[in-house]
C-alpha atoms as a PDB file:
ATOM      1  CA  MET A   1     -36.541  28.310 -54.144  1.00  0.00           C
ATOM      2  CA  THR A   2     -36.773  30.685 -51.121  1.00  0.00           C
ATOM      3  CA  ASP A   3     -33.662  30.701 -48.512  1.00  0.00           C
ATOM      4  CA  SER A   4     -36.718  29.669 -46.295  1.00  0.00           C
ATOM      5  CA  GLU A   5     -37.558  26.165 -48.590  1.00  0.00           C
ATOM      6  CA  ARG A   6     -33.508  25.672 -48.691  1.00  0.00           C
ATOM      7  CA  GLU A   7     -33.704  25.710 -44.980  1.00  0.00           C
ATOM      8  CA  ARG A   8     -35.931  22.587 -45.217  1.00  0.00           C
ATOM      9  CA  LEU A   9     -34.598  20.629 -47.717  1.00  0.00           C
ATOM     10  CA  ILE A  10     -31.421  19.956 -45.858  1.00  0.00           C
ATOM     11  CA  GLN A  11     -32.992  19.677 -42.998  1.00  0.00           C
ATOM     12  CA  GLU A  12     -34.462  16.958 -44.091  1.00  0.00           C
ATOM     13  CA  ILE A  13     -31.792  14.979 -46.603  1.00  0.00           C
ATOM     14  CA  VAL A  14     -29.798  15.360 -43.269  1.00  0.00           C
ATOM     15  CA  ALA A  15     -32.078  13.800 -41.318  1.00  0.00           C
ATOM     16  CA  ARG A  16     -31.741  10.823 -43.658  1.00  0.00           C
ATOM     17  CA  PRO A  17     -29.867   7.999 -41.958  1.00  0.00           C
ATOM     18  CA  TYR A  18     -27.476   8.213 -42.505  1.00  0.00           C
ATOM     19  CA  ARG A  19     -23.839   6.348 -41.711  1.00  0.00           C
ATOM     20  CA  LYS A  20     -22.243   8.795 -38.731  1.00  0.00           C
ATOM     21  CA  VAL A  21     -18.594   7.611 -36.697  1.00  0.00           C
ATOM     22  CA  ILE A  22     -16.902   8.744 -34.152  1.00  0.00           C
ATOM     23  CA  SER A  23     -14.114   7.981 -32.653  1.00  0.00           C
ATOM     24  CA  GLY A  24     -11.108   8.806 -30.620  1.00  0.00           C
ATOM     25  CA  ASP A  25     -11.081   9.288 -26.776  1.00  0.00           C
ATOM     26  CA  ASP A  26     -11.046  12.568 -23.527  1.00  0.00           C
ATOM     27  CA  VAL A  27      -7.645  13.066 -23.895  1.00  0.00           C
ATOM     28  CA  ASP A  28      -7.364  13.894 -28.081  1.00  0.00           C
ATOM     29  CA  GLY A  29     -10.372  14.557 -28.838  1.00  0.00           C
ATOM     30  CA  TYR A  30     -13.504  13.033 -30.910  1.00  0.00           C
ATOM     31  CA  LEU A  31     -12.950  13.068 -35.200  1.00  0.00           C
ATOM     32  CA  ALA A  32     -16.854  12.513 -36.326  1.00  0.00           C
ATOM     33  CA  GLU A  33     -17.119  11.654 -39.846  1.00  0.00           C
ATOM     34  CA  ALA A  34     -19.944  11.044 -42.117  1.00  0.00           C
ATOM     35  CA  PRO A  35     -18.839   9.055 -44.771  1.00  0.00           C
ATOM     36  CA  GLU A  36     -21.370   8.797 -47.119  1.00  0.00           C
ATOM     37  CA  LEU A  37     -20.320  12.293 -48.117  1.00  0.00           C
ATOM     38  CA  PRO A  38     -16.931  11.890 -49.024  1.00  0.00           C
ATOM     39  CA  GLY A  39     -15.260  14.643 -46.989  1.00  0.00           C
ATOM     40  CA  CYS A  40     -17.481  15.465 -44.345  1.00  0.00           C
ATOM     41  CA  PHE A  41     -16.510  15.707 -40.847  1.00  0.00           C
ATOM     42  CA  THR A  42     -15.132  17.333 -37.518  1.00  0.00           C
ATOM     43  CA  ALA A  43     -14.031  17.506 -34.318  1.00  0.00           C
ATOM     44  CA  GLY A  44     -15.266  17.891 -30.480  1.00  0.00           C
ATOM     45  CA  GLU A  45     -13.366  17.826 -27.595  1.00  0.00           C
ATOM     46  CA  THR A  46     -16.231  15.250 -26.008  1.00  0.00           C
ATOM     47  CA  VAL A  47     -17.867  12.816 -27.111  1.00  0.00           C
ATOM     48  CA  GLU A  48     -21.579  15.378 -26.728  1.00  0.00           C
ATOM     49  CA  GLU A  49     -19.811  17.732 -28.839  1.00  0.00           C
ATOM     50  CA  ALA A  50     -19.238  15.717 -31.445  1.00  0.00           C
ATOM     51  CA  PRO A  51     -22.120  14.796 -32.957  1.00  0.00           C
ATOM     52  CA  ALA A  52     -23.766  18.320 -32.236  1.00  0.00           C
ATOM     53  CA  MET A  53     -20.658  19.503 -35.035  1.00  0.00           C
ATOM     54  CA  LEU A  54     -21.486  16.865 -36.635  1.00  0.00           C
ATOM     55  CA  GLN A  55     -24.865  17.381 -37.424  1.00  0.00           C
ATOM     56  CA  ASP A  56     -23.665  21.465 -38.464  1.00  0.00           C
ATOM     57  CA  ALA A  57     -20.844  19.273 -40.750  1.00  0.00           C
ATOM     58  CA  MET A  58     -23.172  17.754 -42.500  1.00  0.00           C
ATOM     59  CA  GLU A  59     -25.851  20.672 -43.206  1.00  0.00           C
ATOM     60  CA  GLY A  60     -22.802  22.568 -44.423  1.00  0.00           C
ATOM     61  CA  TRP A  61     -21.767  20.030 -47.177  1.00  0.00           C
ATOM     62  CA  ILE A  62     -25.203  19.003 -48.591  1.00  0.00           C
ATOM     63  CA  GLU A  63     -25.099  22.486 -48.543  1.00  0.00           C
ATOM     64  CA  GLY A  64     -22.437  23.153 -50.587  1.00  0.00           C
ATOM     65  CA  ALA A  65     -23.470  20.282 -53.016  1.00  0.00           C
ATOM     66  CA  MET A  66     -27.117  21.891 -53.469  1.00  0.00           C
ATOM     67  CA  THR A  67     -25.320  25.451 -54.721  1.00  0.00           C
ATOM     68  CA  LEU A  68     -22.502  23.692 -57.579  1.00  0.00           C
ATOM     69  CA  ALA A  69     -24.194  22.195 -60.329  1.00  0.00           C
ATOM     70  CA  GLY A  70     -24.801  19.021 -60.436  1.00  0.00           C
ATOM     71  CA  GLU A  71     -23.196  17.608 -57.977  1.00  0.00           C
ATOM     72  CA  PRO A  72     -24.961  14.842 -56.094  1.00  0.00           C
ATOM     73  CA  ILE A  73     -25.695  13.712 -53.000  1.00  0.00           C
ATOM     74  CA  PRO A  74     -25.370  10.571 -52.115  1.00  0.00           C
ATOM     75  CA  GLU A  75     -28.357   8.390 -50.701  1.00  0.00           C
ATOM     76  CA  PRO A  76     -27.341   6.617 -47.229  1.00  0.00           C
ATOM     77  CA  HIS A  77     -26.156   2.898 -47.580  1.00  0.00           C
ATOM     78  CA  ALA A  78     -28.469   0.522 -46.017  1.00  0.00           C
ATOM     79  CA  VAL A  79     -27.771  -1.126 -43.044  1.00  0.00           C
ATOM     80  CA  ALA A  80     -28.300  -4.515 -42.238  1.00  0.00           C
ATOM     81  CA  VAL A  81     -30.352  -4.800 -38.929  1.00  0.00           C
ATOM     82  CA  ALA A  82     -29.849  -8.624 -37.769  1.00  0.00           C
END
């Protein structure tokens, strides 16, 4: 797999509908996590920065999982719409 193919695959996986949870406040900062990707979390100083940081964290998590032989990448959980 070439580097560009690998990057395209990472971007395709990140674009899946993974749940993203942002919590915190302006005083202490914001924690951003992708619960379906165990251990994938980051922090940002603002509510706008946290999701962008999470995007980078998810890309790194997925790339790491792809590097480990046989490490499965979890699928996003289905979200019920009411």
